[in-house]
Amino acid sequence: MKQEKAEPAYRSRLKAERADELYIRILQKLMREKLYRDPNYTTAQLAEELQTNTRYISAAVAVCSGGNYCALVNGMRLRDACKMLRSAKYKHLTAEEIGLLAGFASRQAFYKAFARQYDCTPKAYRMGRED
């Protein structure tokens, strides 16, 4: 018999409306300031700037997106990387340089996340979808 994982108490204390509001603030903060491009930017820094705590950040992201904070940030980074890979403006950069510019801490982290999401390498993506 499969046992269901108990939901952490802080998630149940975060009401849906509050989770939505916090999630919107998280997205606005990360996207407006492009903080996701900084591989050293932490959830703790975000929580401090939004005057909340990391558990509520995690809960809001989980409730509103079904994923976790790292997946949210990596998704933003991957969207940026894809735009850059297709753009003539960034043609002079290698795929690795684009990954680092998008906010990944290393080539390995970029290639692994990219392959998981798109089932190909950044180079193959670039060659197959160039504008």
Protein backbone atom coordinates (compact mmCIF):
# COMPACT_ATOMS: atom_id res chain seq x y z
CA MET A 1 0.00 0.00 0.00
CA LYS A 2 1.42 3.38 -1.08
CA GLN A 3 1.64 5.92 1.70
CA GLU A 4 0.90 9.54 0.82
CA LYS A 5 3.44 12.12 1.84
CA ALA A 6 2.10 14.50 4.47
CA GLU A 7 1.96 18.12 3.40
CA PRO A 8 4.18 20.40 5.48
CA ALA A 9 2.18 22.44 8.02
CA TYR A 10 3.36 25.78 6.65
CA ARG A 11 1.75 24.98 3.28
CA SER A 12 -1.65 24.40 4.82
CA ARG A 13 -1.33 27.66 6.79
CA LEU A 14 -0.72 29.66 3.62
CA LYS A 15 -4.17 30.50 2.32
CA ALA A 16 -4.73 30.28 -1.45
CA GLU A 17 -5.29 34.01 -1.83
CA ARG A 18 -2.11 34.82 0.10
CA ALA A 19 -0.18 32.22 -1.92
CA ASP A 20 -1.37 33.82 -5.18
CA GLU A 21 -0.36 37.30 -4.00
CA LEU A 22 3.06 36.14 -2.87
CA TYR A 23 3.62 34.14 -6.08
CA ILE A 24 2.86 37.22 -8.19
CA ARG A 25 5.30 39.26 -6.10
CA ILE A 26 7.95 36.54 -6.53
CA LEU A 27 7.50 36.51 -10.30
CA GLN A 28 7.54 40.30 -10.54
CA LYS A 29 10.68 40.60 -8.42
CA LEU A 30 12.57 37.88 -10.29
CA MET A 31 11.55 38.98 -13.77
CA ARG A 32 11.63 42.77 -13.50
CA GLU A 33 15.10 42.79 -12.03
CA LYS A 34 16.20 39.63 -13.89
CA LEU A 35 17.41 38.23 -10.57
CA TYR A 36 17.14 34.68 -11.93
CA ARG A 37 20.23 35.48 -14.03
CA ASP A 38 22.33 35.68 -10.88
CA PRO A 39 23.40 32.13 -9.95
CA ASN A 40 24.27 33.35 -6.43
CA TYR A 41 20.87 34.91 -5.71
CA THR A 42 19.24 32.85 -2.96
CA THR A 43 15.74 32.21 -1.74
CA ALA A 44 16.80 33.78 1.54
CA GLN A 45 17.66 37.03 -0.25
CA LEU A 46 14.34 36.98 -2.08
CA ALA A 47 12.45 36.29 1.14
CA GLU A 48 14.19 39.17 2.90
CA GLU A 49 13.43 41.57 0.04
CA LEU A 50 9.77 40.49 -0.02
CA GLN A 51 9.60 40.61 3.78
CA THR A 52 8.58 36.99 4.19
CA ASN A 53 10.41 33.74 4.84
CA THR A 54 11.80 30.98 2.64
CA ARG A 55 9.14 28.48 3.69
CA TYR A 56 6.37 30.75 2.44
CA ILE A 57 8.29 31.33 -0.80
CA SER A 58 8.52 27.56 -1.28
CA ALA A 59 4.88 27.05 -0.37
CA ALA A 60 3.61 29.80 -2.69
CA VAL A 61 5.63 28.42 -5.60
CA ALA A 62 4.45 24.86 -4.91
CA VAL A 63 0.79 25.86 -4.53
CA CYS A 64 0.72 28.10 -7.61
CA SER A 65 3.02 26.28 -10.02
CA GLY A 66 3.09 22.71 -8.77
CA GLY A 67 6.89 22.85 -8.81
CA ASN A 68 9.65 24.15 -6.62
CA TYR A 69 11.63 27.39 -6.54
CA CYS A 70 14.63 25.93 -8.41
CA ALA A 71 12.38 24.67 -11.21
CA LEU A 72 10.75 28.10 -11.46
CA VAL A 73 14.11 29.90 -11.71
CA ASN A 74 15.56 27.35 -14.13
CA GLY A 75 12.47 27.70 -16.31
CA MET A 76 13.08 31.45 -16.54
CA ARG A 77 16.73 30.83 -17.35
CA LEU A 78 15.88 28.29 -20.03
CA ARG A 79 13.39 30.65 -21.69
CA ASP A 80 16.09 33.34 -21.83
CA ALA A 81 18.66 30.88 -23.14
CA CYS A 82 16.30 29.71 -25.91
CA LYS A 83 15.66 33.29 -27.01
CA MET A 84 19.40 33.98 -27.07
CA LEU A 85 20.19 30.73 -28.91
CA ARG A 86 17.76 31.75 -31.67
CA SER A 87 18.82 35.39 -31.82
CA ALA A 88 21.33 36.71 -34.33
CA LYS A 89 22.39 39.20 -31.66
CA TYR A 90 23.98 36.37 -29.65
CA LYS A 91 25.31 34.33 -32.58
CA HIS A 92 28.91 35.17 -31.60
CA LEU A 93 28.47 33.48 -28.19
CA THR A 94 28.86 29.77 -27.56
CA ALA A 95 25.99 27.79 -26.10
CA GLU A 96 27.95 27.56 -22.85
CA GLU A 97 28.36 31.35 -22.68
CA ILE A 98 24.63 31.77 -23.27
CA GLY A 99 23.87 29.35 -20.44
CA LEU A 100 26.09 31.30 -18.08
CA LEU A 101 24.59 34.61 -19.23
CA ALA A 102 21.10 33.19 -18.58
CA GLY A 103 22.10 32.47 -14.97
CA PHE A 104 23.27 28.88 -14.82
CA ALA A 105 26.24 28.37 -12.51
CA SER A 106 28.04 25.98 -14.86
CA ARG A 107 28.02 24.43 -18.31
CA GLN A 108 26.99 21.11 -16.79
CA ALA A 109 24.00 22.59 -14.97
CA PHE A 110 22.87 24.34 -18.17
CA TYR A 111 23.23 21.31 -20.43
CA LYS A 112 21.53 19.00 -17.93
CA ALA A 113 18.54 21.34 -17.41
CA PHE A 114 18.30 22.02 -21.15
CA ALA A 115 18.36 18.34 -22.10
CA ARG A 116 15.77 17.51 -19.43
CA GLN A 117 13.42 20.20 -20.74
CA TYR A 118 13.96 20.01 -24.51
CA ASP A 119 15.40 16.53 -25.06
CA CYS A 120 18.33 17.89 -27.08
CA THR A 121 21.52 19.85 -26.57
CA PRO A 122 21.56 23.65 -26.74
CA LYS A 123 23.72 23.41 -29.87
CA ALA A 124 21.23 21.10 -31.59
CA TYR A 125 18.40 23.43 -30.58
CA ARG A 126 20.28 26.40 -32.00
CA MET A 127 21.04 24.68 -35.30
CA GLY A 128 17.51 23.37 -35.75
CA ARG A 129 15.68 26.55 -34.87
CA GLU A 130 17.86 29.41 -35.98
CA ASP A 131 16.04 32.46 -37.33
